[in-house]
PDB file of N, CA and C in Angstrom:
ATOM      1  N   MET A   1       3.824 140.840 128.321  1.00  0.00           N
ATOM      2  CA  MET A   1       3.290 141.186 129.624  1.00  0.00           C
ATOM      3  C   MET A   1       3.529 142.670 129.858  1.00  0.00           C
ATOM      4  N   THR A   2       2.519 143.352 130.307  1.00  0.00           N
ATOM      5  CA  THR A   2       2.656 144.778 130.542  1.00  0.00           C
ATOM      6  C   THR A   2       3.482 145.026 131.799  1.00  0.00           C
ATOM      7  N   GLU A   3       3.969 146.255 131.889  1.00  0.00           N
ATOM      8  CA  GLU A   3       4.794 146.607 133.051  1.00  0.00           C
ATOM      9  C   GLU A   3       4.005 146.478 134.346  1.00  0.00           C
ATOM     10  N   GLN A   4       2.733 146.865 134.330  1.00  0.00           N
ATOM     11  CA  GLN A   4       1.887 146.767 135.525  1.00  0.00           C
ATOM     12  C   GLN A   4       1.724 145.311 135.954  1.00  0.00           C
ATOM     13  N   LYS A   5       1.475 144.422 134.988  1.00  0.00           N
ATOM     14  CA  LYS A   5       1.304 143.009 135.324  1.00  0.00           C
ATOM     15  C   LYS A   5       2.597 142.417 135.849  1.00  0.00           C
ATOM     16  N   MET A   6       3.742 142.847 135.295  1.00  0.00           N
ATOM     17  CA  MET A   6       5.034 142.355 135.779  1.00  0.00           C
ATOM     18  C   MET A   6       5.255 142.793 137.220  1.00  0.00           C
ATOM     19  N   LYS A   7       4.901 144.053 137.527  1.00  0.00           N
ATOM     20  CA  LYS A   7       5.050 144.553 138.896  1.00  0.00           C
ATOM     21  C   LYS A   7       4.158 143.762 139.850  1.00  0.00           C
ATOM     22  N   GLU A   8       2.916 143.495 139.437  1.00  0.00           N
ATOM     23  CA  GLU A   8       1.985 142.737 140.281  1.00  0.00           C
ATOM     24  C   GLU A   8       2.488 141.320 140.485  1.00  0.00           C
ATOM     25  N   SER A   9       3.020 140.704 139.421  1.00  0.00           N
ATOM     26  CA  SER A   9       3.542 139.343 139.506  1.00  0.00           C
ATOM     27  C   SER A   9       4.740 139.293 140.455  1.00  0.00           C
ATOM     28  N   THR A  10       5.637 140.257 140.305  1.00  0.00           N
ATOM     29  CA  THR A  10       6.814 140.313 141.177  1.00  0.00           C
ATOM     30  C   THR A  10       6.401 140.541 142.623  1.00  0.00           C
ATOM     31  N   GLN A  11       5.458 141.435 142.836  1.00  0.00           N
ATOM     32  CA  GLN A  11       4.989 141.711 144.194  1.00  0.00           C
ATOM     33  C   GLN A  11       4.334 140.475 144.805  1.00  0.00           C
ATOM     34  N   ALA A  12       3.575 139.739 144.012  1.00  0.00           N
ATOM     35  CA  ALA A  12       2.938 138.515 144.512  1.00  0.00           C
ATOM     36  C   ALA A  12       3.993 137.485 144.910  1.00  0.00           C
ATOM     37  N   LYS A  13       5.053 137.353 144.119  1.00  0.00           N
ATOM     38  CA  LYS A  13       6.128 136.415 144.438  1.00  0.00           C
ATOM     39  C   LYS A  13       6.845 136.818 145.723  1.00  0.00           C
ATOM     40  N   ILE A  14       7.087 138.114 145.863  1.00  0.00           N
ATOM     41  CA  ILE A  14       7.758 138.598 147.067  1.00  0.00           C
ATOM     42  C   ILE A  14       6.876 138.368 148.293  1.00  0.00           C
ATOM     43  N   THR A  15       5.585 138.660 148.166  1.00  0.00           N
ATOM     44  CA  THR A  15       4.649 138.460 149.271  1.00  0.00           C
ATOM     45  C   THR A  15       4.604 136.991 149.680  1.00  0.00           C
ATOM     46  N   ALA A  16       4.557 136.098 148.696  1.00  0.00           N
ATOM     47  CA  ALA A  16       4.527 134.661 148.985  1.00  0.00           C
ATOM     48  C   ALA A  16       5.827 134.216 149.641  1.00  0.00           C
ATOM     49  N   ALA A  17       6.958 134.725 149.169  1.00  0.00           N
ATOM     50  CA  ALA A  17       8.253 134.350 149.743  1.00  0.00           C
ATOM     51  C   ALA A  17       8.372 134.826 151.185  1.00  0.00           C
ATOM     52  N   VAL A  18       7.892 136.031 151.458  1.00  0.00           N
ATOM     53  CA  VAL A  18       7.950 136.564 152.825  1.00  0.00           C
ATOM     54  C   VAL A  18       7.062 135.738 153.754  1.00  0.00           C
ATOM     55  N   ALA A  19       5.876 135.383 153.278  1.00  0.00           N
ATOM     56  CA  ALA A  19       4.967 134.574 154.103  1.00  0.00           C
ATOM     57  C   ALA A  19       5.600 133.217 154.416  1.00  0.00           C
ATOM     58  N   LEU A  20       6.181 132.596 153.414  1.00  0.00           N
ATOM     59  CA  LEU A  20       6.837 131.305 153.622  1.00  0.00           C
ATOM     60  C   LEU A  20       8.027 131.475 154.559  1.00  0.00           C
ATOM     61  N   ALA A  21       8.802 132.530 154.353  1.00  0.00           N
ATOM     62  CA  ALA A  21       9.978 132.774 155.186  1.00  0.00           C
ATOM     63  C   ALA A  21       9.593 132.975 156.650  1.00  0.00           C
ATOM     64  N   ARG A  22       8.514 133.720 156.879  1.00  0.00           N
ATOM     65  CA  ARG A  22       8.063 133.918 158.264  1.00  0.00           C
ATOM     66  C   ARG A  22       7.693 132.586 158.912  1.00  0.00           C
ATOM     67  N   GLY A  23       7.004 131.742 158.161  1.00  0.00           N
ATOM     68  CA  GLY A  23       6.619 130.439 158.699  1.00  0.00           C
ATOM     69  C   GLY A  23       7.828 129.583 159.030  1.00  0.00           C
ATOM     70  N   VAL A  24       8.814 129.581 158.138  1.00  0.00           N
ATOM     71  CA  VAL A  24      10.037 128.808 158.366  1.00  0.00           C
ATOM     72  C   VAL A  24      10.781 129.373 159.570  1.00  0.00           C
ATOM     73  N   ALA A  25      10.855 130.699 159.666  1.00  0.00           N
ATOM     74  CA  ALA A  25      11.550 131.323 160.797  1.00  0.00           C
ATOM     75  C   ALA A  25      10.870 130.965 162.115  1.00  0.00           C
ATOM     76  N   GLN A  26       9.540 130.967 162.139  1.00  0.00           N
ATOM     77  CA  GLN A  26       8.820 130.615 163.362  1.00  0.00           C
ATOM     78  C   GLN A  26       9.125 129.183 163.776  1.00  0.00           C
ATOM     79  N   LYS A  27       9.179 128.275 162.796  1.00  0.00           N
ATOM     80  CA  LYS A  27       9.505 126.880 163.132  1.00  0.00           C
ATOM     81  C   LYS A  27      10.941 126.760 163.617  1.00  0.00           C
ATOM     82  N   ALA A  28      11.853 127.503 162.968  1.00  0.00           N
ATOM     83  CA  ALA A  28      13.266 127.433 163.350  1.00  0.00           C
ATOM     84  C   ALA A  28      13.484 127.981 164.754  1.00  0.00           C
ATOM     85  N   LEU A  29      12.662 128.939 165.153  1.00  0.00           N
ATOM     86  CA  LEU A  29      12.804 129.545 166.479  1.00  0.00           C
ATOM     87  C   LEU A  29      11.935 128.861 167.536  1.00  0.00           C
ATOM     88  N   ALA A  30      11.244 127.810 167.138  1.00  0.00           N
ATOM     89  CA  ALA A  30      10.382 127.082 168.071  1.00  0.00           C
ATOM     90  C   ALA A  30      11.228 126.460 169.186  1.00  0.00           C
ATOM     91  N   PRO A  31      10.607 126.174 170.316  1.00  0.00           N
ATOM     92  CA  PRO A  31      11.353 125.590 171.432  1.00  0.00           C
ATOM     93  C   PRO A  31      12.070 124.291 171.075  1.00  0.00           C
ATOM     94  N   SER A  32      11.468 123.492 170.221  1.00  0.00           N
ATOM     95  CA  SER A  32      12.088 122.233 169.818  1.00  0.00           C
ATOM     96  C   SER A  32      13.120 122.509 168.723  1.00  0.00           C
ATOM     97  N   PRO A  33      14.376 122.077 168.921  1.00  0.00           N
ATOM     98  CA  PRO A  33      15.395 122.334 167.902  1.00  0.00           C
ATOM     99  C   PRO A  33      15.204 121.477 166.639  1.00  0.00           C
ATOM    100  N   ASN A  34      14.375 120.465 166.728  1.00  0.00           N
ATOM    101  CA  ASN A  34      14.119 119.592 165.584  1.00  0.00           C
ATOM    102  C   ASN A  34      12.640 119.644 165.224  1.00  0.00           C
ATOM    103  N   PRO A  35      12.236 120.693 164.495  1.00  0.00           N
ATOM    104  CA  PRO A  35      10.812 120.825 164.176  1.00  0.00           C
ATOM    105  C   PRO A  35      10.325 119.672 163.299  1.00  0.00           C
ATOM    106  N   GLU A  36       9.088 119.358 163.464  1.00  0.00           N
ATOM    107  CA  GLU A  36       8.462 118.337 162.633  1.00  0.00           C
ATOM    108  C   GLU A  36       8.013 119.005 161.337  1.00  0.00           C
ATOM    109  N   TRP A  37       8.664 118.698 160.239  1.00  0.00           N
ATOM    110  CA  TRP A  37       8.309 119.288 158.955  1.00  0.00           C
ATOM    111  C   TRP A  37       7.225 118.434 158.313  1.00  0.00           C
ATOM    112  N   THR A  38       6.157 119.068 157.926  1.00  0.00           N
ATOM    113  CA  THR A  38       5.082 118.343 157.251  1.00  0.00           C
ATOM    114  C   THR A  38       5.397 118.237 155.762  1.00  0.00           C
ATOM    115  N   GLU A  39       4.654 117.385 155.090  1.00  0.00           N
ATOM    116  CA  GLU A  39       4.825 117.265 153.638  1.00  0.00           C
ATOM    117  C   GLU A  39       4.510 118.602 152.966  1.00  0.00           C
ATOM    118  N   TYR A  40       3.509 119.318 153.494  1.00  0.00           N
ATOM    119  CA  TYR A  40       3.163 120.632 152.955  1.00  0.00           C
ATOM    120  C   TYR A  40       4.339 121.601 153.114  1.00  0.00           C
ATOM    121  N   ASP A  41       4.989 121.583 154.280  1.00  0.00           N
ATOM    122  CA  ASP A  41       6.148 122.450 154.509  1.00  0.00           C
ATOM    123  C   ASP A  41       7.241 122.166 153.483  1.00  0.00           C
ATOM    124  N   MET A  42       7.544 120.885 153.307  1.00  0.00           N
ATOM    125  CA  MET A  42       8.618 120.515 152.383  1.00  0.00           C
ATOM    126  C   MET A  42       8.252 120.883 150.949  1.00  0.00           C
ATOM    127  N   ARG A  43       7.002 120.676 150.582  1.00  0.00           N
ATOM    128  CA  ARG A  43       6.553 121.032 149.234  1.00  0.00           C
ATOM    129  C   ARG A  43       6.653 122.545 149.033  1.00  0.00           C
ATOM    130  N   SER A  44       6.269 123.316 150.041  1.00  0.00           N
ATOM    131  CA  SER A  44       6.351 124.777 149.959  1.00  0.00           C
ATOM    132  C   SER A  44       7.797 125.232 149.793  1.00  0.00           C
ATOM    133  N   ILE A  45       8.687 124.626 150.541  1.00  0.00           N
ATOM    134  CA  ILE A  45      10.107 124.967 150.430  1.00  0.00           C
ATOM    135  C   ILE A  45      10.623 124.598 149.046  1.00  0.00           C
ATOM    136  N   ASP A  46      10.267 123.416 148.552  1.00  0.00           N
ATOM    137  CA  ASP A  46      10.694 122.997 147.213  1.00  0.00           C
ATOM    138  C   ASP A  46      10.154 123.932 146.130  1.00  0.00           C
ATOM    139  N   GLU A  47       8.930 124.402 146.303  1.00  0.00           N
ATOM    140  CA  GLU A  47       8.354 125.349 145.341  1.00  0.00           C
ATOM    141  C   GLU A  47       9.116 126.670 145.379  1.00  0.00           C
ATOM    142  N   TRP A  48       9.488 127.120 146.582  1.00  0.00           N
ATOM    143  CA  TRP A  48      10.269 128.346 146.703  1.00  0.00           C
ATOM    144  C   TRP A  48      11.625 128.172 146.034  1.00  0.00           C
ATOM    145  N   ILE A  49      12.250 127.014 146.251  1.00  0.00           N
ATOM    146  CA  ILE A  49      13.547 126.725 145.624  1.00  0.00           C
ATOM    147  C   ILE A  49      13.428 126.827 144.103  1.00  0.00           C
ATOM    148  N   ALA A  50      12.352 126.286 143.558  1.00  0.00           N
ATOM    149  CA  ALA A  50      12.163 126.279 142.104  1.00  0.00           C
ATOM    150  C   ALA A  50      12.052 127.694 141.534  1.00  0.00           C
ATOM    151  N   LEU A  51      11.616 128.658 142.343  1.00  0.00           N
ATOM    152  CA  LEU A  51      11.477 130.040 141.879  1.00  0.00           C
ATOM    153  C   LEU A  51      12.795 130.820 141.929  1.00  0.00           C
ATOM    154  N   GLN A  52      13.805 130.242 142.545  1.00  0.00           N
ATOM    155  CA  GLN A  52      15.078 130.944 142.683  1.00  0.00           C
ATOM    156  C   GLN A  52      15.904 130.829 141.408  1.00  0.00           C
ATOM    157  N   ASP A  53      16.822 131.790 141.241  1.00  0.00           N
ATOM    158  CA  ASP A  53      17.677 131.815 140.053  1.00  0.00           C
ATOM    159  C   ASP A  53      18.816 130.805 140.121  1.00  0.00           C
ATOM    160  N   VAL A  54      19.075 130.286 141.302  1.00  0.00           N
ATOM    161  CA  VAL A  54      20.153 129.315 141.473  1.00  0.00           C
ATOM    162  C   VAL A  54      19.590 128.041 142.097  1.00  0.00           C
ATOM    163  N   LYS A  55      20.270 126.935 141.892  1.00  0.00           N
ATOM    164  CA  LYS A  55      19.852 125.661 142.477  1.00  0.00           C
ATOM    165  C   LYS A  55      20.313 125.626 143.923  1.00  0.00           C
ATOM    166  N   LEU A  56      19.364 125.426 144.827  1.00  0.00           N
ATOM    167  CA  LEU A  56      19.667 125.354 146.252  1.00  0.00           C
ATOM    168  C   LEU A  56      19.268 123.989 146.789  1.00  0.00           C
ATOM    169  N   GLU A  57      20.027 123.526 147.739  1.00  0.00           N
ATOM    170  CA  GLU A  57      19.631 122.334 148.487  1.00  0.00           C
ATOM    171  C   GLU A  57      18.696 122.802 149.598  1.00  0.00           C
ATOM    172  N   ARG A  58      17.881 121.908 150.105  1.00  0.00           N
ATOM    173  CA  ARG A  58      16.912 122.291 151.135  1.00  0.00           C
ATOM    174  C   ARG A  58      17.534 122.985 152.345  1.00  0.00           C
ATOM    175  N   PRO A  59      18.632 122.456 152.905  1.00  0.00           N
ATOM    176  CA  PRO A  59      19.186 123.134 154.091  1.00  0.00           C
ATOM    177  C   PRO A  59      19.553 124.596 153.821  1.00  0.00           C
ATOM    178  N   GLU A  60      20.154 124.866 152.665  1.00  0.00           N
ATOM    179  CA  GLU A  60      20.519 126.246 152.327  1.00  0.00           C
ATOM    180  C   GLU A  60      19.260 127.083 152.096  1.00  0.00           C
ATOM    181  N   ALA A  61      18.260 126.500 151.443  1.00  0.00           N
ATOM    182  CA  ALA A  61      17.005 127.214 151.211  1.00  0.00           C
ATOM    183  C   ALA A  61      16.346 127.567 152.541  1.00  0.00           C
ATOM    184  N   ILE A  62      16.348 126.632 153.474  1.00  0.00           N
ATOM    185  CA  ILE A  62      15.746 126.885 154.787  1.00  0.00           C
ATOM    186  C   ILE A  62      16.502 128.001 155.506  1.00  0.00           C
ATOM    187  N   ARG A  63      17.832 127.973 155.441  1.00  0.00           N
ATOM    188  CA  ARG A  63      18.620 129.046 156.058  1.00  0.00           C
ATOM    189  C   ARG A  63      18.250 130.401 155.465  1.00  0.00           C
ATOM    190  N   ARG A  64      18.122 130.452 154.134  1.00  0.00           N
ATOM    191  CA  ARG A  64      17.782 131.718 153.475  1.00  0.00           C
ATOM    192  C   ARG A  64      16.371 132.175 153.835  1.00  0.00           C
ATOM    193  N   LEU A  65      15.449 131.228 153.906  1.00  0.00           N
ATOM    194  CA  LEU A  65      14.079 131.581 154.268  1.00  0.00           C
ATOM    195  C   LEU A  65      13.999 132.079 155.710  1.00  0.00           C
ATOM    196  N   VAL A  66      14.755 131.460 156.585  1.00  0.00           N
ATOM    197  CA  VAL A  66      14.788 131.914 157.987  1.00  0.00           C
ATOM    198  C   VAL A  66      15.338 133.332 158.034  1.00  0.00           C
ATOM    199  N   GLU A  67      16.418 133.578 157.303  1.00  0.00           N
ATOM    200  CA  GLU A  67      17.009 134.923 157.261  1.00  0.00           C
ATOM    201  C   GLU A  67      15.989 135.949 156.744  1.00  0.00           C
ATOM    202  N   LEU A  68      15.291 135.610 155.654  1.00  0.00           N
ATOM    203  CA  LEU A  68      14.262 136.501 155.122  1.00  0.00           C
ATOM    204  C   LEU A  68      13.154 136.749 156.145  1.00  0.00           C
ATOM    205  N   GLY A  69      12.733 135.690 156.797  1.00  0.00           N
ATOM    206  CA  GLY A  69      11.676 135.805 157.794  1.00  0.00           C
ATOM    207  C   GLY A  69      12.080 136.657 158.978  1.00  0.00           C
ATOM    208  N   LEU A  70      13.316 136.505 159.413  1.00  0.00           N
ATOM    209  CA  LEU A  70      13.798 137.298 160.540  1.00  0.00           C
ATOM    210  C   LEU A  70      13.918 138.770 160.162  1.00  0.00           C
ATOM    211  N   LYS A  71      14.362 139.038 158.955  1.00  0.00           N
ATOM    212  CA  LYS A  71      14.458 140.426 158.501  1.00  0.00           C
ATOM    213  C   LYS A  71      13.075 141.043 158.367  1.00  0.00           C
ATOM    214  N   ALA A  72      12.123 140.283 157.841  1.00  0.00           N
ATOM    215  CA  ALA A  72      10.766 140.785 157.662  1.00  0.00           C
ATOM    216  C   ALA A  72      10.103 141.034 159.012  1.00  0.00           C
ATOM    217  N   LYS A  73      10.372 140.179 159.976  1.00  0.00           N
ATOM    218  CA  LYS A  73       9.776 140.322 161.315  1.00  0.00           C
ATOM    219  C   LYS A  73      10.320 141.551 162.022  1.00  0.00           C
ATOM    220  N   ALA A  74      11.559 141.912 161.728  1.00  0.00           N
ATOM    221  CA  ALA A  74      12.191 143.044 162.388  1.00  0.00           C
ATOM    222  C   ALA A  74      11.612 144.377 161.931  1.00  0.00           C
ATOM    223  N   LYS A  75      10.973 144.407 160.796  1.00  0.00           N
ATOM    224  CA  LYS A  75      10.451 145.670 160.244  1.00  0.00           C
ATOM    225  C   LYS A  75       9.221 146.127 160.961  1.00  0.00           C
TER     226      LYS A  75
END
């Protein structure tokens, strides 16, 4: 893989992670403290977990995604 393709691939992964993180953060900050997670939401979170270098449980993954989303929103 060329360096340019690696950069594009990495950027695409980061963009996807930020988009997912923003969505998770919005749900976490919703008025209801117990958001209704759809099957799509859970699948998206599981896919994000699979891309990580370490094995995460869903609650920890959600916490990390919320943190990423909040940091991205602050920019």
